[in-house]
């Protein structure tokens, strides 16, 4: 992971709706 720019899947991360995630 340290070799990449990444999205962390984390229970304390931002909650998004499916529509919000699609836009993001």
PDBML (XML) file of the C-alpha atoms, coordinates in Angstrom:
<?xml version="1.0" encoding="UTF-8" ?>
<PDBx:datablock datablockName="MODEL"
   xmlns:PDBx="http://pdbml.pdb.org/schema/pdbx-v50.xsd"
   xmlns:xsi="http://www.w3.org/2001/XMLSchema-instance"
   xsi:schemaLocation="http://pdbml.pdb.org/schema/pdbx-v50.xsd pdbx-v50.xsd">
   <PDBx:atom_siteCategory>
      <PDBx:atom_site id="1">
         <PDBx:B_iso_or_equiv>0.00</PDBx:B_iso_or_equiv>
         <PDBx:Cartn_x>0.000</PDBx:Cartn_x>
         <PDBx:Cartn_y>0.000</PDBx:Cartn_y>
         <PDBx:Cartn_z>0.000</PDBx:Cartn_z>
         <PDBx:auth_asym_id>A</PDBx:auth_asym_id>
         <PDBx:auth_atom_id>CA</PDBx:auth_atom_id>
         <PDBx:auth_comp_id>UNK</PDBx:auth_comp_id>
         <PDBx:auth_seq_id>1</PDBx:auth_seq_id>
         <PDBx:group_PDB>ATOM</PDBx:group_PDB>
         <PDBx:label_alt_id xsi:nil="true" />
         <PDBx:label_asym_id>A</PDBx:label_asym_id>
         <PDBx:label_atom_id>CA</PDBx:label_atom_id>
         <PDBx:label_comp_id>UNK</PDBx:label_comp_id>
         <PDBx:label_entity_id>1</PDBx:label_entity_id>
         <PDBx:label_seq_id>1</PDBx:label_seq_id>
         <PDBx:occupancy>1.00</PDBx:occupancy>
         <PDBx:pdbx_PDB_model_num>1</PDBx:pdbx_PDB_model_num>
         <PDBx:type_symbol>C</PDBx:type_symbol>
      </PDBx:atom_site>
      <PDBx:atom_site id="2">
         <PDBx:B_iso_or_equiv>0.00</PDBx:B_iso_or_equiv>
         <PDBx:Cartn_x>2.880</PDBx:Cartn_x>
         <PDBx:Cartn_y>2.383</PDBx:Cartn_y>
         <PDBx:Cartn_z>0.674</PDBx:Cartn_z>
         <PDBx:auth_asym_id>A</PDBx:auth_asym_id>
         <PDBx:auth_atom_id>CA</PDBx:auth_atom_id>
         <PDBx:auth_comp_id>UNK</PDBx:auth_comp_id>
         <PDBx:auth_seq_id>2</PDBx:auth_seq_id>
         <PDBx:group_PDB>ATOM</PDBx:group_PDB>
         <PDBx:label_alt_id xsi:nil="true" />
         <PDBx:label_asym_id>A</PDBx:label_asym_id>
         <PDBx:label_atom_id>CA</PDBx:label_atom_id>
         <PDBx:label_comp_id>UNK</PDBx:label_comp_id>
         <PDBx:label_entity_id>1</PDBx:label_entity_id>
         <PDBx:label_seq_id>2</PDBx:label_seq_id>
         <PDBx:occupancy>1.00</PDBx:occupancy>
         <PDBx:pdbx_PDB_model_num>1</PDBx:pdbx_PDB_model_num>
         <PDBx:type_symbol>C</PDBx:type_symbol>
      </PDBx:atom_site>
      <PDBx:atom_site id="3">
         <PDBx:B_iso_or_equiv>0.00</PDBx:B_iso_or_equiv>
         <PDBx:Cartn_x>3.733</PDBx:Cartn_x>
         <PDBx:Cartn_y>2.218</PDBx:Cartn_y>
         <PDBx:Cartn_z>-3.042</PDBx:Cartn_z>
         <PDBx:auth_asym_id>A</PDBx:auth_asym_id>
         <PDBx:auth_atom_id>CA</PDBx:auth_atom_id>
         <PDBx:auth_comp_id>UNK</PDBx:auth_comp_id>
         <PDBx:auth_seq_id>3</PDBx:auth_seq_id>
         <PDBx:group_PDB>ATOM</PDBx:group_PDB>
         <PDBx:label_alt_id xsi:nil="true" />
         <PDBx:label_asym_id>A</PDBx:label_asym_id>
         <PDBx:label_atom_id>CA</PDBx:label_atom_id>
         <PDBx:label_comp_id>UNK</PDBx:label_comp_id>
         <PDBx:label_entity_id>1</PDBx:label_entity_id>
         <PDBx:label_seq_id>3</PDBx:label_seq_id>
         <PDBx:occupancy>1.00</PDBx:occupancy>
         <PDBx:pdbx_PDB_model_num>1</PDBx:pdbx_PDB_model_num>
         <PDBx:type_symbol>C</PDBx:type_symbol>
      </PDBx:atom_site>
      <PDBx:atom_site id="4">
         <PDBx:B_iso_or_equiv>0.00</PDBx:B_iso_or_equiv>
         <PDBx:Cartn_x>0.314</PDBx:Cartn_x>
         <PDBx:Cartn_y>3.587</PDBx:Cartn_y>
         <PDBx:Cartn_z>-4.063</PDBx:Cartn_z>
         <PDBx:auth_asym_id>A</PDBx:auth_asym_id>
         <PDBx:auth_atom_id>CA</PDBx:auth_atom_id>
         <PDBx:auth_comp_id>UNK</PDBx:auth_comp_id>
         <PDBx:auth_seq_id>4</PDBx:auth_seq_id>
         <PDBx:group_PDB>ATOM</PDBx:group_PDB>
         <PDBx:label_alt_id xsi:nil="true" />
         <PDBx:label_asym_id>A</PDBx:label_asym_id>
         <PDBx:label_atom_id>CA</PDBx:label_atom_id>
         <PDBx:label_comp_id>UNK</PDBx:label_comp_id>
         <PDBx:label_entity_id>1</PDBx:label_entity_id>
         <PDBx:label_seq_id>4</PDBx:label_seq_id>
         <PDBx:occupancy>1.00</PDBx:occupancy>
         <PDBx:pdbx_PDB_model_num>1</PDBx:pdbx_PDB_model_num>
         <PDBx:type_symbol>C</PDBx:type_symbol>
      </PDBx:atom_site>
      <PDBx:atom_site id="5">
         <PDBx:B_iso_or_equiv>0.00</PDBx:B_iso_or_equiv>
         <PDBx:Cartn_x>-2.090</PDBx:Cartn_x>
         <PDBx:Cartn_y>6.458</PDBx:Cartn_y>
         <PDBx:Cartn_z>-3.662</PDBx:Cartn_z>
         <PDBx:auth_asym_id>A</PDBx:auth_asym_id>
         <PDBx:auth_atom_id>CA</PDBx:auth_atom_id>
         <PDBx:auth_comp_id>UNK</PDBx:auth_comp_id>
         <PDBx:auth_seq_id>5</PDBx:auth_seq_id>
         <PDBx:group_PDB>ATOM</PDBx:group_PDB>
         <PDBx:label_alt_id xsi:nil="true" />
         <PDBx:label_asym_id>A</PDBx:label_asym_id>
         <PDBx:label_atom_id>CA</PDBx:label_atom_id>
         <PDBx:label_comp_id>UNK</PDBx:label_comp_id>
         <PDBx:label_entity_id>1</PDBx:label_entity_id>
         <PDBx:label_seq_id>5</PDBx:label_seq_id>
         <PDBx:occupancy>1.00</PDBx:occupancy>
         <PDBx:pdbx_PDB_model_num>1</PDBx:pdbx_PDB_model_num>
         <PDBx:type_symbol>C</PDBx:type_symbol>
      </PDBx:atom_site>
      <PDBx:atom_site id="6">
         <PDBx:B_iso_or_equiv>0.00</PDBx:B_iso_or_equiv>
         <PDBx:Cartn_x>-5.138</PDBx:Cartn_x>
         <PDBx:Cartn_y>4.667</PDBx:Cartn_y>
         <PDBx:Cartn_z>-2.299</PDBx:Cartn_z>
         <PDBx:auth_asym_id>A</PDBx:auth_asym_id>
         <PDBx:auth_atom_id>CA</PDBx:auth_atom_id>
         <PDBx:auth_comp_id>UNK</PDBx:auth_comp_id>
         <PDBx:auth_seq_id>6</PDBx:auth_seq_id>
         <PDBx:group_PDB>ATOM</PDBx:group_PDB>
         <PDBx:label_alt_id xsi:nil="true" />
         <PDBx:label_asym_id>A</PDBx:label_asym_id>
         <PDBx:label_atom_id>CA</PDBx:label_atom_id>
         <PDBx:label_comp_id>UNK</PDBx:label_comp_id>
         <PDBx:label_entity_id>1</PDBx:label_entity_id>
         <PDBx:label_seq_id>6</PDBx:label_seq_id>
         <PDBx:occupancy>1.00</PDBx:occupancy>
         <PDBx:pdbx_PDB_model_num>1</PDBx:pdbx_PDB_model_num>
         <PDBx:type_symbol>C</PDBx:type_symbol>
      </PDBx:atom_site>
      <PDBx:atom_site id="7">
         <PDBx:B_iso_or_equiv>0.00</PDBx:B_iso_or_equiv>
         <PDBx:Cartn_x>-8.593</PDBx:Cartn_x>
         <PDBx:Cartn_y>4.663</PDBx:Cartn_y>
         <PDBx:Cartn_z>-0.773</PDBx:Cartn_z>
         <PDBx:auth_asym_id>A</PDBx:auth_asym_id>
         <PDBx:auth_atom_id>CA</PDBx:auth_atom_id>
         <PDBx:auth_comp_id>UNK</PDBx:auth_comp_id>
         <PDBx:auth_seq_id>7</PDBx:auth_seq_id>
         <PDBx:group_PDB>ATOM</PDBx:group_PDB>
         <PDBx:label_alt_id xsi:nil="true" />
         <PDBx:label_asym_id>A</PDBx:label_asym_id>
         <PDBx:label_atom_id>CA</PDBx:label_atom_id>
         <PDBx:label_comp_id>UNK</PDBx:label_comp_id>
         <PDBx:label_entity_id>1</PDBx:label_entity_id>
         <PDBx:label_seq_id>7</PDBx:label_seq_id>
         <PDBx:occupancy>1.00</PDBx:occupancy>
         <PDBx:pdbx_PDB_model_num>1</PDBx:pdbx_PDB_model_num>
         <PDBx:type_symbol>C</PDBx:type_symbol>
      </PDBx:atom_site>
      <PDBx:atom_site id="8">
         <PDBx:B_iso_or_equiv>0.00</PDBx:B_iso_or_equiv>
         <PDBx:Cartn_x>-8.687</PDBx:Cartn_x>
         <PDBx:Cartn_y>3.011</PDBx:Cartn_y>
         <PDBx:Cartn_z>2.639</PDBx:Cartn_z>
         <PDBx:auth_asym_id>A</PDBx:auth_asym_id>
         <PDBx:auth_atom_id>CA</PDBx:auth_atom_id>
         <PDBx:auth_comp_id>UNK</PDBx:auth_comp_id>
         <PDBx:auth_seq_id>8</PDBx:auth_seq_id>
         <PDBx:group_PDB>ATOM</PDBx:group_PDB>
         <PDBx:label_alt_id xsi:nil="true" />
         <PDBx:label_asym_id>A</PDBx:label_asym_id>
         <PDBx:label_atom_id>CA</PDBx:label_atom_id>
         <PDBx:label_comp_id>UNK</PDBx:label_comp_id>
         <PDBx:label_entity_id>1</PDBx:label_entity_id>
         <PDBx:label_seq_id>8</PDBx:label_seq_id>
         <PDBx:occupancy>1.00</PDBx:occupancy>
         <PDBx:pdbx_PDB_model_num>1</PDBx:pdbx_PDB_model_num>
         <PDBx:type_symbol>C</PDBx:type_symbol>
      </PDBx:atom_site>
      <PDBx:atom_site id="9">
         <PDBx:B_iso_or_equiv>0.00</PDBx:B_iso_or_equiv>
         <PDBx:Cartn_x>-11.755</PDBx:Cartn_x>
         <PDBx:Cartn_y>0.972</PDBx:Cartn_y>
         <PDBx:Cartn_z>3.472</PDBx:Cartn_z>
         <PDBx:auth_asym_id>A</PDBx:auth_asym_id>
         <PDBx:auth_atom_id>CA</PDBx:auth_atom_id>
         <PDBx:auth_comp_id>UNK</PDBx:auth_comp_id>
         <PDBx:auth_seq_id>9</PDBx:auth_seq_id>
         <PDBx:group_PDB>ATOM</PDBx:group_PDB>
         <PDBx:label_alt_id xsi:nil="true" />
         <PDBx:label_asym_id>A</PDBx:label_asym_id>
         <PDBx:label_atom_id>CA</PDBx:label_atom_id>
         <PDBx:label_comp_id>UNK</PDBx:label_comp_id>
         <PDBx:label_entity_id>1</PDBx:label_entity_id>
         <PDBx:label_seq_id>9</PDBx:label_seq_id>
         <PDBx:occupancy>1.00</PDBx:occupancy>
         <PDBx:pdbx_PDB_model_num>1</PDBx:pdbx_PDB_model_num>
         <PDBx:type_symbol>C</PDBx:type_symbol>
      </PDBx:atom_site>
      <PDBx:atom_site id="10">
         <PDBx:B_iso_or_equiv>0.00</PDBx:B_iso_or_equiv>
         <PDBx:Cartn_x>-12.215</PDBx:Cartn_x>
         <PDBx:Cartn_y>1.922</PDBx:Cartn_y>
         <PDBx:Cartn_z>7.092</PDBx:Cartn_z>
         <PDBx:auth_asym_id>A</PDBx:auth_asym_id>
         <PDBx:auth_atom_id>CA</PDBx:auth_atom_id>
         <PDBx:auth_comp_id>UNK</PDBx:auth_comp_id>
         <PDBx:auth_seq_id>10</PDBx:auth_seq_id>
         <PDBx:group_PDB>ATOM</PDBx:group_PDB>
         <PDBx:label_alt_id xsi:nil="true" />
         <PDBx:label_asym_id>A</PDBx:label_asym_id>
         <PDBx:label_atom_id>CA</PDBx:label_atom_id>
         <PDBx:label_comp_id>UNK</PDBx:label_comp_id>
         <PDBx:label_entity_id>1</PDBx:label_entity_id>
         <PDBx:label_seq_id>10</PDBx:label_seq_id>
         <PDBx:occupancy>1.00</PDBx:occupancy>
         <PDBx:pdbx_PDB_model_num>1</PDBx:pdbx_PDB_model_num>
         <PDBx:type_symbol>C</PDBx:type_symbol>
      </PDBx:atom_site>
      <PDBx:atom_site id="11">
         <PDBx:B_iso_or_equiv>0.00</PDBx:B_iso_or_equiv>
         <PDBx:Cartn_x>-15.309</PDBx:Cartn_x>
         <PDBx:Cartn_y>1.635</PDBx:Cartn_y>
         <PDBx:Cartn_z>9.325</PDBx:Cartn_z>
         <PDBx:auth_asym_id>A</PDBx:auth_asym_id>
         <PDBx:auth_atom_id>CA</PDBx:auth_atom_id>
         <PDBx:auth_comp_id>UNK</PDBx:auth_comp_id>
         <PDBx:auth_seq_id>11</PDBx:auth_seq_id>
         <PDBx:group_PDB>ATOM</PDBx:group_PDB>
         <PDBx:label_alt_id xsi:nil="true" />
         <PDBx:label_asym_id>A</PDBx:label_asym_id>
         <PDBx:label_atom_id>CA</PDBx:label_atom_id>
         <PDBx:label_comp_id>UNK</PDBx:label_comp_id>
         <PDBx:label_entity_id>1</PDBx:label_entity_id>
         <PDBx:label_seq_id>11</PDBx:label_seq_id>
         <PDBx:occupancy>1.00</PDBx:occupancy>
         <PDBx:pdbx_PDB_model_num>1</PDBx:pdbx_PDB_model_num>
         <PDBx:type_symbol>C</PDBx:type_symbol>
      </PDBx:atom_site>
      <PDBx:atom_site id="12">
         <PDBx:B_iso_or_equiv>0.00</PDBx:B_iso_or_equiv>
         <PDBx:Cartn_x>-14.478</PDBx:Cartn_x>
         <PDBx:Cartn_y>5.111</PDBx:Cartn_y>
         <PDBx:Cartn_z>10.666</PDBx:Cartn_z>
         <PDBx:auth_asym_id>A</PDBx:auth_asym_id>
         <PDBx:auth_atom_id>CA</PDBx:auth_atom_id>
         <PDBx:auth_comp_id>UNK</PDBx:auth_comp_id>
         <PDBx:auth_seq_id>12</PDBx:auth_seq_id>
         <PDBx:group_PDB>ATOM</PDBx:group_PDB>
         <PDBx:label_alt_id xsi:nil="true" />
         <PDBx:label_asym_id>A</PDBx:label_asym_id>
         <PDBx:label_atom_id>CA</PDBx:label_atom_id>
         <PDBx:label_comp_id>UNK</PDBx:label_comp_id>
         <PDBx:label_entity_id>1</PDBx:label_entity_id>
         <PDBx:label_seq_id>12</PDBx:label_seq_id>
         <PDBx:occupancy>1.00</PDBx:occupancy>
         <PDBx:pdbx_PDB_model_num>1</PDBx:pdbx_PDB_model_num>
         <PDBx:type_symbol>C</PDBx:type_symbol>
      </PDBx:atom_site>
      <PDBx:atom_site id="13">
         <PDBx:B_iso_or_equiv>0.00</PDBx:B_iso_or_equiv>
         <PDBx:Cartn_x>-14.214</PDBx:Cartn_x>
         <PDBx:Cartn_y>6.612</PDBx:Cartn_y>
         <PDBx:Cartn_z>7.195</PDBx:Cartn_z>
         <PDBx:auth_asym_id>A</PDBx:auth_asym_id>
         <PDBx:auth_atom_id>CA</PDBx:auth_atom_id>
         <PDBx:auth_comp_id>UNK</PDBx:auth_comp_id>
         <PDBx:auth_seq_id>13</PDBx:auth_seq_id>
         <PDBx:group_PDB>ATOM</PDBx:group_PDB>
         <PDBx:label_alt_id xsi:nil="true" />
         <PDBx:label_asym_id>A</PDBx:label_asym_id>
         <PDBx:label_atom_id>CA</PDBx:label_atom_id>
         <PDBx:label_comp_id>UNK</PDBx:label_comp_id>
         <PDBx:label_entity_id>1</PDBx:label_entity_id>
         <PDBx:label_seq_id>13</PDBx:label_seq_id>
         <PDBx:occupancy>1.00</PDBx:occupancy>
         <PDBx:pdbx_PDB_model_num>1</PDBx:pdbx_PDB_model_num>
         <PDBx:type_symbol>C</PDBx:type_symbol>
      </PDBx:atom_site>
      <PDBx:atom_site id="14">
         <PDBx:B_iso_or_equiv>0.00</PDBx:B_iso_or_equiv>
         <PDBx:Cartn_x>-16.768</PDBx:Cartn_x>
         <PDBx:Cartn_y>8.724</PDBx:Cartn_y>
         <PDBx:Cartn_z>5.382</PDBx:Cartn_z>
         <PDBx:auth_asym_id>A</PDBx:auth_asym_id>
         <PDBx:auth_atom_id>CA</PDBx:auth_atom_id>
         <PDBx:auth_comp_id>UNK</PDBx:auth_comp_id>
         <PDBx:auth_seq_id>14</PDBx:auth_seq_id>
         <PDBx:group_PDB>ATOM</PDBx:group_PDB>
         <PDBx:label_alt_id xsi:nil="true" />
         <PDBx:label_asym_id>A</PDBx:label_asym_id>
         <PDBx:label_atom_id>CA</PDBx:label_atom_id>
         <PDBx:label_comp_id>UNK</PDBx:label_comp_id>
         <PDBx:label_entity_id>1</PDBx:label_entity_id>
         <PDBx:label_seq_id>14</PDBx:label_seq_id>
         <PDBx:occupancy>1.00</PDBx:occupancy>
         <PDBx:pdbx_PDB_model_num>1</PDBx:pdbx_PDB_model_num>
         <PDBx:type_symbol>C</PDBx:type_symbol>
      </PDBx:atom_site>
      <PDBx:atom_site id="15">
         <PDBx:B_iso_or_equiv>0.00</PDBx:B_iso_or_equiv>
         <PDBx:Cartn_x>-20.205</PDBx:Cartn_x>
         <PDBx:Cartn_y>7.169</PDBx:Cartn_y>
         <PDBx:Cartn_z>4.930</PDBx:Cartn_z>
         <PDBx:auth_asym_id>A</PDBx:auth_asym_id>
         <PDBx:auth_atom_id>CA</PDBx:auth_atom_id>
         <PDBx:auth_comp_id>UNK</PDBx:auth_comp_id>
         <PDBx:auth_seq_id>15</PDBx:auth_seq_id>
         <PDBx:group_PDB>ATOM</PDBx:group_PDB>
         <PDBx:label_alt_id xsi:nil="true" />
         <PDBx:label_asym_id>A</PDBx:label_asym_id>
         <PDBx:label_atom_id>CA</PDBx:label_atom_id>
         <PDBx:label_comp_id>UNK</PDBx:label_comp_id>
         <PDBx:label_entity_id>1</PDBx:label_entity_id>
         <PDBx:label_seq_id>15</PDBx:label_seq_id>
         <PDBx:occupancy>1.00</PDBx:occupancy>
         <PDBx:pdbx_PDB_model_num>1</PDBx:pdbx_PDB_model_num>
         <PDBx:type_symbol>C</PDBx:type_symbol>
      </PDBx:atom_site>
      <PDBx:atom_site id="16">
         <PDBx:B_iso_or_equiv>0.00</PDBx:B_iso_or_equiv>
         <PDBx:Cartn_x>-21.687</PDBx:Cartn_x>
         <PDBx:Cartn_y>7.818</PDBx:Cartn_y>
         <PDBx:Cartn_z>1.501</PDBx:Cartn_z>
         <PDBx:auth_asym_id>A</PDBx:auth_asym_id>
         <PDBx:auth_atom_id>CA</PDBx:auth_atom_id>
         <PDBx:auth_comp_id>UNK</PDBx:auth_comp_id>
         <PDBx:auth_seq_id>16</PDBx:auth_seq_id>
         <PDBx:group_PDB>ATOM</PDBx:group_PDB>
         <PDBx:label_alt_id xsi:nil="true" />
         <PDBx:label_asym_id>A</PDBx:label_asym_id>
         <PDBx:label_atom_id>CA</PDBx:label_atom_id>
         <PDBx:label_comp_id>UNK</PDBx:label_comp_id>
         <PDBx:label_entity_id>1</PDBx:label_entity_id>
         <PDBx:label_seq_id>16</PDBx:label_seq_id>
         <PDBx:occupancy>1.00</PDBx:occupancy>
         <PDBx:pdbx_PDB_model_num>1</PDBx:pdbx_PDB_model_num>
         <PDBx:type_symbol>C</PDBx:type_symbol>
      </PDBx:atom_site>
      <PDBx:atom_site id="17">
         <PDBx:B_iso_or_equiv>0.00</PDBx:B_iso_or_equiv>
         <PDBx:Cartn_x>-24.918</PDBx:Cartn_x>
         <PDBx:Cartn_y>6.887</PDBx:Cartn_y>
         <PDBx:Cartn_z>-0.202</PDBx:Cartn_z>
         <PDBx:auth_asym_id>A</PDBx:auth_asym_id>
         <PDBx:auth_atom_id>CA</PDBx:auth_atom_id>
         <PDBx:auth_comp_id>UNK</PDBx:auth_comp_id>
         <PDBx:auth_seq_id>17</PDBx:auth_seq_id>
         <PDBx:group_PDB>ATOM</PDBx:group_PDB>
         <PDBx:label_alt_id xsi:nil="true" />
         <PDBx:label_asym_id>A</PDBx:label_asym_id>
         <PDBx:label_atom_id>CA</PDBx:label_atom_id>
         <PDBx:label_comp_id>UNK</PDBx:label_comp_id>
         <PDBx:label_entity_id>1</PDBx:label_entity_id>
         <PDBx:label_seq_id>17</PDBx:label_seq_id>
         <PDBx:occupancy>1.00</PDBx:occupancy>
         <PDBx:pdbx_PDB_model_num>1</PDBx:pdbx_PDB_model_num>
         <PDBx:type_symbol>C</PDBx:type_symbol>
      </PDBx:atom_site>
      <PDBx:atom_site id="18">
         <PDBx:B_iso_or_equiv>0.00</PDBx:B_iso_or_equiv>
         <PDBx:Cartn_x>-24.567</PDBx:Cartn_x>
         <PDBx:Cartn_y>4.817</PDBx:Cartn_y>
         <PDBx:Cartn_z>-3.350</PDBx:Cartn_z>
         <PDBx:auth_asym_id>A</PDBx:auth_asym_id>
         <PDBx:auth_atom_id>CA</PDBx:auth_atom_id>
         <PDBx:auth_comp_id>UNK</PDBx:auth_comp_id>
         <PDBx:auth_seq_id>18</PDBx:auth_seq_id>
         <PDBx:group_PDB>ATOM</PDBx:group_PDB>
         <PDBx:label_alt_id xsi:nil="true" />
         <PDBx:label_asym_id>A</PDBx:label_asym_id>
         <PDBx:label_atom_id>CA</PDBx:label_atom_id>
         <PDBx:label_comp_id>UNK</PDBx:label_comp_id>
         <PDBx:label_entity_id>1</PDBx:label_entity_id>
         <PDBx:label_seq_id>18</PDBx:label_seq_id>
         <PDBx:occupancy>1.00</PDBx:occupancy>
         <PDBx:pdbx_PDB_model_num>1</PDBx:pdbx_PDB_model_num>
         <PDBx:type_symbol>C</PDBx:type_symbol>
      </PDBx:atom_site>
      <PDBx:atom_site id="19">
         <PDBx:B_iso_or_equiv>0.00</PDBx:B_iso_or_equiv>
         <PDBx:Cartn_x>-25.323</PDBx:Cartn_x>
         <PDBx:Cartn_y>7.936</PDBx:Cartn_y>
         <PDBx:Cartn_z>-5.381</PDBx:Cartn_z>
         <PDBx:auth_asym_id>A</PDBx:auth_asym_id>
         <PDBx:auth_atom_id>CA</PDBx:auth_atom_id>
         <PDBx:auth_comp_id>UNK</PDBx:auth_comp_id>
         <PDBx:auth_seq_id>19</PDBx:auth_seq_id>
         <PDBx:group_PDB>ATOM</PDBx:group_PDB>
         <PDBx:label_alt_id xsi:nil="true" />
         <PDBx:label_asym_id>A</PDBx:label_asym_id>
         <PDBx:label_atom_id>CA</PDBx:label_atom_id>
         <PDBx:label_comp_id>UNK</PDBx:label_comp_id>
         <PDBx:label_entity_id>1</PDBx:label_entity_id>
         <PDBx:label_seq_id>19</PDBx:label_seq_id>
         <PDBx:occupancy>1.00</PDBx:occupancy>
         <PDBx:pdbx_PDB_model_num>1</PDBx:pdbx_PDB_model_num>
         <PDBx:type_symbol>C</PDBx:type_symbol>
      </PDBx:atom_site>
      <PDBx:atom_site id="20">
         <PDBx:B_iso_or_equiv>0.00</PDBx:B_iso_or_equiv>
         <PDBx:Cartn_x>-22.725</PDBx:Cartn_x>
         <PDBx:Cartn_y>9.908</PDBx:Cartn_y>
         <PDBx:Cartn_z>-3.411</PDBx:Cartn_z>
         <PDBx:auth_asym_id>A</PDBx:auth_asym_id>
         <PDBx:auth_atom_id>CA</PDBx:auth_atom_id>
         <PDBx:auth_comp_id>UNK</PDBx:auth_comp_id>
         <PDBx:auth_seq_id>20</PDBx:auth_seq_id>
         <PDBx:group_PDB>ATOM</PDBx:group_PDB>
         <PDBx:label_alt_id xsi:nil="true" />
         <PDBx:label_asym_id>A</PDBx:label_asym_id>
         <PDBx:label_atom_id>CA</PDBx:label_atom_id>
         <PDBx:label_comp_id>UNK</PDBx:label_comp_id>
         <PDBx:label_entity_id>1</PDBx:label_entity_id>
         <PDBx:label_seq_id>20</PDBx:label_seq_id>
         <PDBx:occupancy>1.00</PDBx:occupancy>
         <PDBx:pdbx_PDB_model_num>1</PDBx:pdbx_PDB_model_num>
         <PDBx:type_symbol>C</PDBx:type_symbol>
      </PDBx:atom_site>
      <PDBx:atom_site id="21">
         <PDBx:B_iso_or_equiv>0.00</PDBx:B_iso_or_equiv>
         <PDBx:Cartn_x>-20.149</PDBx:Cartn_x>
         <PDBx:Cartn_y>7.187</PDBx:Cartn_y>
         <PDBx:Cartn_z>-3.980</PDBx:Cartn_z>
         <PDBx:auth_asym_id>A</PDBx:auth_asym_id>
         <PDBx:auth_atom_id>CA</PDBx:auth_atom_id>
         <PDBx:auth_comp_id>UNK</PDBx:auth_comp_id>
         <PDBx:auth_seq_id>21</PDBx:auth_seq_id>
         <PDBx:group_PDB>ATOM</PDBx:group_PDB>
         <PDBx:label_alt_id xsi:nil="true" />
         <PDBx:label_asym_id>A</PDBx:label_asym_id>
         <PDBx:label_atom_id>CA</PDBx:label_atom_id>
         <PDBx:label_comp_id>UNK</PDBx:label_comp_id>
         <PDBx:label_entity_id>1</PDBx:label_entity_id>
         <PDBx:label_seq_id>21</PDBx:label_seq_id>
         <PDBx:occupancy>1.00</PDBx:occupancy>
         <PDBx:pdbx_PDB_model_num>1</PDBx:pdbx_PDB_model_num>
         <PDBx:type_symbol>C</PDBx:type_symbol>
      </PDBx:atom_site>
      <PDBx:atom_site id="22">
         <PDBx:B_iso_or_equiv>0.00</PDBx:B_iso_or_equiv>
         <PDBx:Cartn_x>-20.936</PDBx:Cartn_x>
         <PDBx:Cartn_y>7.137</PDBx:Cartn_y>
         <PDBx:Cartn_z>-7.722</PDBx:Cartn_z>
         <PDBx:auth_asym_id>A</PDBx:auth_asym_id>
         <PDBx:auth_atom_id>CA</PDBx:auth_atom_id>
         <PDBx:auth_comp_id>UNK</PDBx:auth_comp_id>
         <PDBx:auth_seq_id>22</PDBx:auth_seq_id>
         <PDBx:group_PDB>ATOM</PDBx:group_PDB>
         <PDBx:label_alt_id xsi:nil="true" />
         <PDBx:label_asym_id>A</PDBx:label_asym_id>
         <PDBx:label_atom_id>CA</PDBx:label_atom_id>
         <PDBx:label_comp_id>UNK</PDBx:label_comp_id>
         <PDBx:label_entity_id>1</PDBx:label_entity_id>
         <PDBx:label_seq_id>22</PDBx:label_seq_id>
         <PDBx:occupancy>1.00</PDBx:occupancy>
         <PDBx:pdbx_PDB_model_num>1</PDBx:pdbx_PDB_model_num>
         <PDBx:type_symbol>C</PDBx:type_symbol>
      </PDBx:atom_site>
      <PDBx:atom_site id="23">
         <PDBx:B_iso_or_equiv>0.00</PDBx:B_iso_or_equiv>
         <PDBx:Cartn_x>-20.259</PDBx:Cartn_x>
         <PDBx:Cartn_y>10.869</PDBx:Cartn_y>
         <PDBx:Cartn_z>-7.958</PDBx:Cartn_z>
         <PDBx:auth_asym_id>A</PDBx:auth_asym_id>
         <PDBx:auth_atom_id>CA</PDBx:auth_atom_id>
         <PDBx:auth_comp_id>UNK</PDBx:auth_comp_id>
         <PDBx:auth_seq_id>23</PDBx:auth_seq_id>
         <PDBx:group_PDB>ATOM</PDBx:group_PDB>
         <PDBx:label_alt_id xsi:nil="true" />
         <PDBx:label_asym_id>A</PDBx:label_asym_id>
         <PDBx:label_atom_id>CA</PDBx:label_atom_id>
         <PDBx:label_comp_id>UNK</PDBx:label_comp_id>
         <PDBx:label_entity_id>1</PDBx:label_entity_id>
         <PDBx:label_seq_id>23</PDBx:label_seq_id>
         <PDBx:occupancy>1.00</PDBx:occupancy>
         <PDBx:pdbx_PDB_model_num>1</PDBx:pdbx_PDB_model_num>
         <PDBx:type_symbol>C</PDBx:type_symbol>
      </PDBx:atom_site>
      <PDBx:atom_site id="24">
         <PDBx:B_iso_or_equiv>0.00</PDBx:B_iso_or_equiv>
         <PDBx:Cartn_x>-17.095</PDBx:Cartn_x>
         <PDBx:Cartn_y>10.586</PDBx:Cartn_y>
         <PDBx:Cartn_z>-5.854</PDBx:Cartn_z>
         <PDBx:auth_asym_id>A</PDBx:auth_asym_id>
         <PDBx:auth_atom_id>CA</PDBx:auth_atom_id>
         <PDBx:auth_comp_id>UNK</PDBx:auth_comp_id>
         <PDBx:auth_seq_id>24</PDBx:auth_seq_id>
         <PDBx:group_PDB>ATOM</PDBx:group_PDB>
         <PDBx:label_alt_id xsi:nil="true" />
         <PDBx:label_asym_id>A</PDBx:label_asym_id>
         <PDBx:label_atom_id>CA</PDBx:label_atom_id>
         <PDBx:label_comp_id>UNK</PDBx:label_comp_id>
         <PDBx:label_entity_id>1</PDBx:label_entity_id>
         <PDBx:label_seq_id>24</PDBx:label_seq_id>
         <PDBx:occupancy>1.00</PDBx:occupancy>
         <PDBx:pdbx_PDB_model_num>1</PDBx:pdbx_PDB_model_num>
         <PDBx:type_symbol>C</PDBx:type_symbol>
      </PDBx:atom_site>
   </PDBx:atom_siteCategory>
</PDBx:datablock>
